[in-house]
Each structure stands twice: as C-alpha cells, then as structure tokens.
C-alpha cells in the first residue's frame, strides 16, 4: 500500500482525537482509542491494485457510528477527495 494512504489513515485518527495504540503497516492494521471507544482501521490492497479501508469501532458509548463517519470523512479529505 502507498505510504500516502497509510499516512492518511493515521492522520484521520489524529484529526478525530483518537490516540493510536497500535499500528502494523505490513498487516495493514491501525488500532486506537478515544473515550472508551476502541477503533480499528483495516487497510488492504485488493487484487486490482485499489486500496480498501474498513473503519470499525466497539465500545461502551453510542458515539461509535458517528465517529466512524467522521474518521472516514477525515480520511477522504486527506486523500484529496
């Protein structure tokens, strides 16, 4: 995966105040936490060369779905879309 994509994912976490707790570029995994919500980004290069990003959350608050949307939007902005 391109370094720019990886940086955009980590930057999107930072934009939303998420503390990155673990990252493994080779495995395409970023983990973070914000106010009791655990967040995950799964970064995969598909067979056609396109990169797919899946953001997921789990935690004790109901702000997860909105937070995932904001992370996704921050990622898209960082990618210039």
Foldseek 3Di string as FASTA:
>chain_A
DDPLLVVLLVVLCVVLVWAWPDDDVVQQWTWTDDPFKIKIWRWDQDPVRDIDIDIAIDGDDPCGVVSRVSSVVSSCVSVVD
